Amino acid sequence: MWAHDGGTIVTTGPVTATTSGAYAYGAYAASGGSITIDQAGSTISASHDDGSAVVATGTGSRIELRNGIGITAVNGAPFSSGYGFPATNSAYISADGCSVTNTRSDGARAAGNSIIELSNGAITIENGSGNIGLGGDGQINANAVVVNVSGPGAYGVSADGIVNLTNGTQIITTGVGFGVTTFGGQINVDASTIRTAAGTGVYSQFSGQVTLANESQVITTGANTYGIDTYDRNTIEILSGSSVTTTGANSAIARLGERTTIAVVDSALQASGAGSAGIVTDGSILTEFSMTNSTLQTASGPALSVTPGALNATVNNSTITSGTELLNVGPTGVLNIDATNSTVTGVATTASGGTAELNLVGSSVWNITGNSSLTHLATQIGSVAQFTPPPSAAGPYKTLTVTNYFGLRGTVGINTHLGSDGSPSDRMIIDGGAGIGSAFYPSTTSAAPVHLPQMTASS
């Protein structure tokens, strides 16, 4: 069916539209034409590599589909130009309760200031190789929609424009692919889920913006994957009870490219796979990471890894916990952590040539779980750098080596075994720099705590 030049088609009964030729369309609205199909049991299908089921193009052109219409596009060749339903050149398509099944073709594509609105339906891309569930440089609004894409290199969402995922929308990909991607566009995820079996959850590059809000989730389960991956000037926000979780081995919650900013507020980040990290850098130019009222947890990898790159981490009223390393900084890495009223746990590892600074402010606590090294450590009043207790009075005890220590009336808590000279104890060594200011050094023994006198160190 074809509506054009202001013409209108409104169906009065169930419709079956089937095409099989090249560049043939099941429903086509152009040049201000309008098509409305709202009878249950209607079906629209296209079965050629370059055919599309539903197409709207041109200013004022619109197609409205309602009541569970089935849409099918079957294309034999990968990377074909056929779609389930594209809207181009300021056109409009809406689909409520519709089911779209595509084989080796894209689902919905909005281009050239067009808008596509989807609700209460499903888009399934089968055997896609580089195909896309939702995409384009226009705007797509998906409300309570399930997008399921299978095949290597496939995308649940690939947006140069704006994509809004709301109200329980699910983006699911299987195979090595991407949940949602943006190339300079904007993706807003509200109370919705992105799930990948063997690929990256969120990928953003070239000034892309991605926001997760209202208990949205990103979940990746495959090995060697990223919950979030960015490249060059991106803004990522994780807000209001949202979460990013990776469970595969040797993965990471987020890999941050150059000049990326990621903000986490009232949300949770977790990596539970063997050897999986929290936040890792990928580039030489400064990136920014901040947490407020949030948690970051890794089971067996560094919470913050800067090898190479530069990262400023601001931690407010939050918790960072690692089963191994709180931080790992490589020979060319630069990491600065400002922790305010927060608890951070794990070993600090700083390679020769790297720079790692930890500033503890307010009621912040660093639980030192193993031998550690930092370039700079500052403990301000009320904060504590606390060595965790050894398994027994015999040890083993731990050593913290710092180039510079700034004691601003904070506390360094050590464990010691009182006995003869040379009895084992935790130690803080200032190596090659200076100890400036003052700090309180309470000592805990195997019997009862003993408070040693305040110690002052200066250059």
Protein backbone atom coordinates (compact mmCIF):
# COMPACT_ATOMS: atom_id res chain seq x y z
CA MET A 1 0.00 0.00 0.00
CA TRP A 2 1.22 3.49 -0.90
CA ALA A 3 0.04 6.87 0.41
CA HIS A 4 1.70 9.93 -1.09
CA ASP A 5 1.30 13.67 -1.74
CA GLY A 6 -1.02 14.17 1.23
CA GLY A 7 -3.07 11.04 0.54
CA THR A 8 -4.47 8.97 3.41
CA ILE A 9 -5.05 5.24 3.88
CA VAL A 10 -7.04 4.00 6.86
CA THR A 11 -7.71 0.28 6.90
CA THR A 12 -11.10 -1.04 7.98
CA GLY A 13 -10.24 -4.72 8.36
CA PRO A 14 -7.24 -7.00 8.87
CA VAL A 15 -4.56 -6.44 6.23
CA THR A 16 -1.99 -8.80 4.75
CA ALA A 17 0.71 -7.05 2.73
CA THR A 18 3.53 -9.13 1.27
CA THR A 19 6.38 -8.08 -1.05
CA SER A 20 9.31 -10.01 -2.49
CA GLY A 21 10.98 -7.64 -4.96
CA ALA A 22 14.00 -5.39 -4.64
CA TYR A 23 13.18 -2.04 -3.02
CA ALA A 24 9.58 -3.14 -2.53
CA TYR A 25 7.69 -1.97 0.56
CA GLY A 26 4.72 -3.46 2.36
CA ALA A 27 3.45 -0.07 3.55
CA TYR A 28 4.89 3.14 2.11
CA ALA A 29 4.03 6.75 3.07
CA ALA A 30 5.81 9.52 1.17
CA SER A 31 5.54 13.26 0.55
CA GLY A 32 3.03 13.88 3.32
CA GLY A 33 1.10 10.63 2.91
CA SER A 34 -0.50 8.90 5.91
CA ILE A 35 -1.27 5.23 6.66
CA THR A 36 -3.12 3.89 9.70
CA ILE A 37 -3.45 0.17 10.37
CA ASP A 38 -5.07 -0.83 13.65
CA GLN A 39 -6.81 -4.14 12.99
CA ALA A 40 -5.56 -7.09 15.03
CA GLY A 41 -4.30 -9.93 12.87
CA SER A 42 -2.76 -7.69 10.22
CA THR A 43 0.66 -8.65 8.84
CA ILE A 44 3.22 -6.82 6.72
CA SER A 45 6.28 -8.58 5.28
CA ALA A 46 9.16 -8.02 2.86
CA SER A 47 11.43 -10.81 1.70
CA HIS A 48 14.14 -9.32 -0.49
CA ASP A 49 17.64 -8.18 0.45
CA ASP A 50 16.73 -4.57 -0.32
CA GLY A 51 13.08 -4.64 0.68
CA SER A 52 11.54 -3.06 3.80
CA ALA A 53 8.26 -3.87 5.50
CA VAL A 54 7.13 -0.36 6.55
CA VAL A 55 8.63 2.89 5.20
CA ALA A 56 7.81 6.56 5.84
CA THR A 57 9.78 9.31 4.13
CA GLY A 58 9.38 13.07 3.78
CA THR A 59 8.02 15.87 5.92
CA GLY A 60 4.49 15.16 7.11
CA SER A 61 4.58 11.50 6.12
CA ARG A 62 3.38 9.19 8.89
CA ILE A 63 2.45 5.59 9.55
CA GLU A 64 0.59 4.44 12.67
CA LEU A 65 0.40 0.74 13.57
CA ARG A 66 -1.61 -0.58 16.50
CA ASN A 67 -3.15 -3.71 18.03
CA GLY A 68 -0.42 -6.27 17.62
CA ILE A 69 0.40 -6.07 13.91
CA GLY A 70 3.05 -8.59 12.84
CA ILE A 71 5.92 -7.16 10.77
CA THR A 72 8.52 -9.35 9.08
CA ALA A 73 11.58 -8.54 6.97
CA VAL A 74 13.57 -11.52 5.68
CA ASN A 75 16.82 -10.64 3.92
CA GLY A 76 19.20 -13.28 2.65
CA ALA A 77 22.42 -11.28 2.61
CA PRO A 78 24.16 -9.76 5.61
CA PHE A 79 24.51 -5.96 5.67
CA SER A 80 21.57 -5.64 3.27
CA SER A 81 19.74 -2.34 2.94
CA GLY A 82 16.37 -3.72 4.00
CA TYR A 83 14.70 -2.77 7.30
CA GLY A 84 11.72 -3.64 9.41
CA PHE A 85 10.63 -0.02 9.40
CA PRO A 86 12.73 3.00 8.50
CA ALA A 87 11.60 6.62 8.77
CA THR A 88 13.59 9.18 6.79
CA ASN A 89 13.55 12.91 5.98
CA SER A 90 11.39 14.18 8.86
CA ALA A 91 8.82 11.37 8.72
CA TYR A 92 7.00 9.71 11.64
CA ILE A 93 6.20 6.09 12.52
CA SER A 94 4.45 4.80 15.63
CA ALA A 95 3.90 1.14 16.53
CA ASP A 96 1.98 0.00 19.60
CA GLY A 97 1.89 -3.66 20.58
CA CYS A 98 3.55 -4.75 17.34
CA SER A 99 5.92 -7.64 16.80
CA VAL A 100 8.82 -7.17 14.38
CA THR A 101 10.88 -10.18 13.27
CA ASN A 102 13.81 -9.60 10.96
CA THR A 103 16.37 -11.98 9.53
CA ARG A 104 19.67 -10.37 8.57
CA SER A 105 18.24 -6.88 8.48
CA ASP A 106 17.84 -3.90 10.78
CA GLY A 107 14.77 -3.30 12.91
CA ALA A 108 13.76 0.35 13.25
CA ARG A 109 15.80 3.20 11.83
CA ALA A 110 15.05 6.91 12.21
CA ALA A 111 17.09 9.23 9.98
CA GLY A 112 17.05 12.86 8.90
CA ASN A 113 15.03 14.39 11.79
CA SER A 114 12.51 11.55 11.73
CA ILE A 115 10.82 10.13 14.84
CA ILE A 116 9.86 6.53 15.58
CA GLU A 117 7.78 5.73 18.67
CA LEU A 118 7.50 2.12 19.83
CA SER A 119 5.52 0.76 22.76
CA ASN A 120 4.49 -2.57 24.25
CA GLY A 121 6.05 -4.64 21.50
CA ALA A 122 9.09 -6.63 20.47
CA ILE A 123 11.82 -6.45 17.84
CA THR A 124 13.76 -9.63 17.09
CA ILE A 125 16.79 -9.67 14.78
CA GLU A 126 17.81 -13.21 13.88
CA ASN A 127 21.20 -14.22 12.45
CA GLY A 128 22.25 -10.60 12.18
CA SER A 129 25.85 -9.85 11.24
CA GLY A 130 26.45 -6.21 12.05
CA ASN A 131 22.69 -5.55 12.07
CA ILE A 132 20.92 -3.10 14.35
CA GLY A 133 17.77 -3.33 16.45
CA LEU A 134 17.19 0.43 16.84
CA GLY A 135 19.32 3.03 15.09
CA GLY A 136 19.80 6.16 13.01
CA ASP A 137 20.49 9.86 13.47
CA GLY A 138 16.87 10.77 14.21
CA GLN A 139 14.92 10.02 17.40
CA ILE A 140 13.54 6.71 18.66
CA ASN A 141 11.38 6.41 21.77
CA ALA A 142 10.97 2.81 23.01
CA ASN A 143 8.53 2.25 25.87
CA ALA A 144 8.16 -1.27 27.32
CA VAL A 145 9.75 -2.85 24.24
CA VAL A 146 11.94 -5.96 24.07
CA VAL A 147 14.75 -5.79 21.49
CA ASN A 148 16.54 -9.11 21.01
CA VAL A 149 19.45 -9.25 18.55
CA SER A 150 21.57 -12.30 17.76
CA GLY A 151 24.65 -12.67 15.59
CA PRO A 152 28.28 -11.49 15.55
CA GLY A 153 28.93 -7.77 15.62
CA ALA A 154 25.24 -6.95 16.06
CA TYR A 155 23.88 -3.91 17.90
CA GLY A 156 20.82 -3.67 20.09
CA VAL A 157 20.91 0.11 19.64
CA SER A 158 23.25 2.13 17.41
CA ALA A 159 22.43 5.81 17.61
CA ASP A 160 23.88 8.93 16.05
CA GLY A 161 20.78 10.82 17.18
CA ILE A 162 18.60 10.37 20.29
CA VAL A 163 17.25 7.11 21.68
CA ASN A 164 15.03 7.00 24.78
CA LEU A 165 14.52 3.58 26.42
CA THR A 166 11.84 3.68 29.11
CA ASN A 167 9.48 1.71 31.32
CA GLY A 168 11.04 -1.74 31.35
CA THR A 169 12.46 -1.76 27.83
CA GLN A 170 15.00 -4.55 27.41
CA ILE A 171 17.93 -4.58 25.01
CA ILE A 172 19.34 -8.12 24.72
CA THR A 173 22.22 -9.24 22.51
CA THR A 174 23.83 -12.64 22.07
CA GLY A 175 27.11 -13.23 20.30
CA VAL A 176 30.04 -10.82 20.31
CA GLY A 177 28.27 -7.51 19.81
CA PHE A 178 27.01 -4.42 21.60
CA GLY A 179 24.00 -3.67 23.76
CA VAL A 180 23.75 0.04 22.99
CA THR A 181 26.19 2.26 21.10
CA THR A 182 26.27 5.94 20.27
CA PHE A 183 28.53 7.78 17.85
CA GLY A 184 28.14 11.35 19.02
CA GLY A 185 24.47 10.84 19.87
CA GLN A 186 22.49 10.53 23.09
CA ILE A 187 20.98 7.45 24.74
CA ASN A 188 18.71 7.83 27.78
CA VAL A 189 17.92 4.62 29.66
CA ASP A 190 15.13 4.97 32.23
CA ALA A 191 13.97 1.99 34.32
CA SER A 192 15.21 -0.34 31.60
CA THR A 193 17.79 -3.11 31.10
CA ILE A 194 20.71 -3.70 28.74
CA ARG A 195 21.97 -7.28 28.74
CA THR A 196 24.77 -8.86 26.68
CA ALA A 197 25.97 -12.46 26.66
CA ALA A 198 29.38 -11.98 25.05
CA GLY A 199 29.73 -8.32 24.18
CA THR A 200 29.95 -4.77 25.51
CA GLY A 201 26.93 -3.37 27.32
CA VAL A 202 27.33 0.35 26.49
CA TYR A 203 29.76 1.76 23.92
CA SER A 204 30.10 5.51 23.37
CA GLN A 205 32.50 7.56 21.27
CA PHE A 206 33.04 11.00 19.74
CA SER A 207 31.18 13.12 22.32
CA GLY A 208 28.43 10.60 22.97
CA GLN A 209 26.15 10.89 26.01
CA VAL A 210 24.60 7.97 27.88
CA THR A 211 22.42 8.24 30.99
CA LEU A 212 21.18 5.33 33.12
CA ALA A 213 18.47 6.33 35.58
CA ASN A 214 15.76 4.96 37.88
CA GLU A 215 17.11 1.46 38.58
CA SER A 216 18.28 0.82 35.05
CA GLN A 217 20.69 -2.07 34.64
CA VAL A 218 23.63 -2.96 32.42
CA ILE A 219 24.55 -6.65 32.72
CA THR A 220 27.35 -8.42 30.84
CA THR A 221 28.09 -12.12 31.36
CA GLY A 222 30.81 -13.05 28.86
CA ALA A 223 34.57 -13.13 29.40
CA ASN A 224 36.71 -10.20 28.20
CA THR A 225 33.78 -7.80 28.05
CA TYR A 226 33.04 -4.28 29.29
CA GLY A 227 29.92 -3.02 30.99
CA ILE A 228 30.76 0.42 29.59
CA ASP A 229 33.40 1.24 26.98
CA THR A 230 34.18 4.73 25.70
CA TYR A 231 36.46 6.43 23.21
CA ASP A 232 37.20 10.17 23.01
CA ARG A 233 35.10 12.84 24.77
CA ASN A 234 32.09 11.14 26.27
CA THR A 235 29.72 11.76 29.17
CA ILE A 236 28.29 8.82 31.12
CA GLU A 237 25.82 9.19 34.02
CA ILE A 238 24.66 6.33 36.26
CA LEU A 239 21.91 7.61 38.55
CA SER A 240 19.13 6.84 41.03
CA GLY A 241 19.55 3.17 41.90
CA SER A 242 20.99 2.05 38.58
CA SER A 243 23.72 -0.58 38.29
CA VAL A 244 26.45 -1.91 36.01
CA THR A 245 27.40 -5.56 36.59
CA THR A 246 29.96 -7.78 34.87
CA THR A 247 30.25 -11.47 35.74
CA GLY A 248 32.68 -12.80 33.10
CA ALA A 249 36.39 -13.37 33.65
CA ASN A 250 38.96 -10.72 32.69
CA SER A 251 36.31 -8.10 32.14
CA ALA A 252 35.79 -4.58 33.47
CA ILE A 253 32.90 -2.48 34.68
CA ALA A 254 34.04 0.48 32.58
CA ARG A 255 36.91 1.28 30.23
CA LEU A 256 37.30 5.03 29.90
CA GLY A 257 38.76 6.58 26.78
CA GLU A 258 40.39 9.97 26.63
CA ARG A 259 38.50 13.00 27.95
CA THR A 260 35.60 10.92 29.22
CA THR A 261 33.57 11.91 32.28
CA ILE A 262 31.61 9.29 34.23
CA ALA A 263 29.43 10.19 37.22
CA VAL A 264 27.82 7.62 39.53
CA VAL A 265 25.14 8.81 41.96
CA ASP A 266 23.09 6.59 44.30
CA SER A 267 24.06 3.55 42.22
CA ALA A 268 26.17 0.37 42.24
CA LEU A 269 29.03 -1.00 40.14
CA GLN A 270 30.16 -4.61 40.48
CA ALA A 271 32.65 -6.96 38.77
CA SER A 272 32.50 -10.53 40.08
CA GLY A 273 34.47 -12.46 37.43
CA ALA A 274 37.98 -13.76 37.97
CA GLY A 275 40.56 -11.10 37.15
CA SER A 276 37.89 -8.50 36.38
CA ALA A 277 38.52 -4.84 37.12
CA GLY A 278 36.38 -1.89 38.04
CA ILE A 279 37.37 1.32 36.24
CA VAL A 280 40.24 1.11 33.73
CA THR A 281 41.70 3.82 31.51
CA ASP A 282 42.47 3.58 27.81
CA GLY A 283 44.35 6.62 26.57
CA SER A 284 46.85 9.24 27.63
CA ILE A 285 44.59 12.25 28.23
CA LEU A 286 42.85 12.93 31.55
CA THR A 287 39.52 11.29 32.33
CA GLU A 288 37.17 11.98 35.25
CA PHE A 289 35.35 9.51 37.49
CA SER A 290 33.11 10.47 40.41
CA MET A 291 30.97 8.56 42.91
CA THR A 292 28.38 9.90 45.32
CA ASN A 293 26.39 7.69 47.73
CA SER A 294 27.41 4.69 45.63
CA THR A 295 29.36 1.44 45.72
CA LEU A 296 32.11 -0.04 43.56
CA GLN A 297 33.07 -3.67 44.17
CA THR A 298 35.50 -6.05 42.47
CA ALA A 299 36.11 -9.64 43.52
CA SER A 300 39.61 -10.31 42.22
CA GLY A 301 40.79 -7.38 40.14
CA PRO A 302 41.79 -3.75 40.78
CA ALA A 303 38.98 -1.33 41.51
CA LEU A 304 40.85 1.48 39.72
CA SER A 305 43.43 0.61 37.05
CA VAL A 306 45.45 3.29 35.25
CA THR A 307 47.87 1.61 32.84
CA PRO A 308 48.37 3.89 30.95
CA GLY A 309 46.42 7.14 31.16
CA ALA A 310 45.40 9.73 33.72
CA LEU A 311 42.37 9.57 36.01
CA ASN A 312 40.89 11.89 38.60
CA ALA A 313 38.61 9.95 40.95
CA THR A 314 36.31 11.82 43.34
CA VAL A 315 34.63 9.61 45.94
CA ASN A 316 31.95 11.09 48.22
CA ASN A 317 30.00 9.15 50.87
CA SER A 318 30.73 5.99 48.94
CA THR A 319 32.42 2.59 49.28
CA ILE A 320 35.08 1.03 47.05
CA THR A 321 35.95 -2.58 47.89
CA SER A 322 38.38 -4.86 46.11
CA GLY A 323 39.26 -8.44 46.95
CA THR A 324 42.75 -7.60 45.72
CA GLU A 325 43.84 -4.13 44.66
CA LEU A 326 42.18 -0.84 45.41
CA LEU A 327 44.36 0.68 42.70
CA ASN A 328 46.96 -0.36 40.15
CA VAL A 329 48.97 2.35 38.42
CA GLY A 330 51.38 1.51 35.61
CA PRO A 331 54.75 3.12 34.78
CA THR A 332 53.14 5.98 32.82
CA GLY A 333 49.85 6.17 34.73
CA VAL A 334 48.61 9.07 36.85
CA LEU A 335 45.84 8.55 39.40
CA ASN A 336 44.47 11.03 41.92
CA ILE A 337 41.82 9.90 44.41
CA ASP A 338 40.00 12.35 46.68
CA ALA A 339 37.88 10.37 49.15
CA THR A 340 35.49 12.26 51.41
CA ASN A 341 33.50 10.46 54.13
CA SER A 342 34.10 7.22 52.24
CA THR A 343 35.57 3.77 52.82
CA VAL A 344 38.06 2.28 50.36
CA THR A 345 39.54 -1.20 50.75
CA GLY A 346 42.40 -2.98 49.03
CA VAL A 347 46.07 -2.93 48.13
CA ALA A 348 47.66 0.06 46.40
CA THR A 349 50.15 -0.88 43.68
CA THR A 350 52.16 1.88 42.01
CA ALA A 351 54.80 0.94 39.45
CA SER A 352 58.08 2.84 39.18
CA GLY A 353 57.41 5.93 37.08
CA GLY A 354 53.72 5.98 37.89
CA THR A 355 51.96 8.50 40.13
CA ALA A 356 49.26 7.58 42.63
CA GLU A 357 47.83 10.04 45.14
CA LEU A 358 45.25 9.26 47.83
CA ASN A 359 43.71 12.08 49.86
CA LEU A 360 41.51 10.97 52.78
CA VAL A 361 39.09 13.65 53.98
CA GLY A 362 36.44 13.76 56.71
CA SER A 363 35.55 10.33 58.10
CA SER A 364 37.19 8.44 55.23
CA VAL A 365 38.92 5.12 55.93
CA TRP A 366 41.43 3.24 53.78
CA ASN A 367 41.61 -0.42 54.82
CA ILE A 368 45.10 -1.54 53.78
CA THR A 369 44.88 -5.26 53.10
CA GLY A 370 48.43 -5.96 51.88
CA ASN A 371 51.81 -4.45 51.09
CA SER A 372 51.14 -1.20 49.27
CA SER A 373 52.85 1.69 47.53
CA LEU A 374 51.76 5.25 46.80
CA THR A 375 53.40 8.40 45.56
CA HIS A 376 51.45 10.62 47.95
CA LEU A 377 49.21 9.86 50.93
CA ALA A 378 47.35 12.52 52.92
CA THR A 379 45.26 11.82 56.04
CA GLN A 380 43.23 14.82 57.07
CA ILE A 381 41.60 15.24 60.48
CA GLY A 382 39.08 12.50 61.18
CA SER A 383 40.35 10.17 58.45
CA VAL A 384 42.17 6.86 58.93
CA ALA A 385 44.62 4.78 56.92
CA GLN A 386 44.18 1.46 58.72
CA PHE A 387 46.22 -1.70 58.22
CA THR A 388 43.89 -4.68 58.50
CA PRO A 389 44.77 -7.16 61.28
CA PRO A 390 47.14 -10.04 60.52
CA PRO A 391 45.76 -13.57 60.77
CA SER A 392 47.77 -14.16 63.95
CA ALA A 393 50.12 -12.34 66.32
CA ALA A 394 53.00 -13.79 64.34
CA GLY A 395 51.83 -12.02 61.17
CA PRO A 396 52.29 -11.58 58.39
CA TYR A 397 52.34 -7.84 58.85
CA LYS A 398 52.20 -5.28 56.06
CA THR A 399 54.28 -2.41 54.73
CA LEU A 400 53.05 0.80 53.13
CA THR A 401 55.70 2.65 51.13
CA VAL A 402 55.03 6.26 50.18
CA THR A 403 57.19 8.88 48.49
CA ASN A 404 55.48 11.68 50.43
CA TYR A 405 53.18 11.61 53.44
CA PHE A 406 51.07 14.58 54.50
CA GLY A 407 49.71 14.19 58.02
CA LEU A 408 46.97 16.72 58.55
CA ARG A 409 45.99 15.43 62.01
CA GLY A 410 44.67 12.22 60.53
CA THR A 411 45.40 8.69 61.72
CA VAL A 412 47.54 5.79 60.52
CA GLY A 413 46.46 2.64 62.36
CA ILE A 414 49.05 -0.13 62.66
CA ASN A 415 49.16 -3.63 64.13
CA THR A 416 52.17 -4.72 66.16
CA HIS A 417 53.38 -7.57 68.34
CA LEU A 418 54.88 -6.15 71.53
CA GLY A 419 58.05 -7.91 72.54
CA SER A 420 61.75 -7.45 72.17
CA ASP A 421 63.37 -5.08 69.73
CA GLY A 422 62.60 -6.19 66.17
CA SER A 423 59.19 -7.61 67.00
CA PRO A 424 57.02 -7.76 63.87
CA SER A 425 54.79 -4.82 63.05
CA ASP A 426 53.02 -3.02 60.24
CA ARG A 427 55.18 -0.24 58.87
CA MET A 428 54.84 2.94 56.86
CA ILE A 429 58.06 3.87 55.03
CA ILE A 430 58.68 7.30 53.53
CA ASP A 431 61.05 6.65 50.64
CA GLY A 432 62.69 9.45 48.69
CA GLY A 433 60.30 12.23 49.66
CA ALA A 434 59.11 13.90 52.85
CA GLY A 435 56.83 13.41 55.79
CA ILE A 436 55.06 16.68 56.53
CA GLY A 437 52.62 17.65 59.27
CA SER A 438 51.39 15.46 62.11
CA ALA A 439 49.44 12.25 62.53
CA PHE A 440 48.19 9.94 65.29
CA TYR A 441 49.49 6.38 65.23
CA PRO A 442 47.38 4.05 67.40
CA SER A 443 48.86 0.55 67.66
CA THR A 444 46.79 -2.59 68.10
CA THR A 445 48.49 -5.65 69.66
CA SER A 446 47.40 -9.24 70.09
CA ALA A 447 46.35 -8.39 73.66
CA ALA A 448 44.94 -4.89 74.00
CA PRO A 449 45.31 -1.69 72.01
CA VAL A 450 48.14 0.59 72.97
CA HIS A 451 48.14 4.23 71.88
CA LEU A 452 51.59 5.47 70.99
CA PRO A 453 52.45 9.17 71.31
CA GLN A 454 51.60 11.51 68.47
CA MET A 455 54.39 11.49 65.92
CA THR A 456 55.46 14.43 63.78
CA ALA A 457 57.51 14.11 60.62
CA SER A 458 58.87 16.89 58.45
CA SER A 459 61.44 17.44 55.80
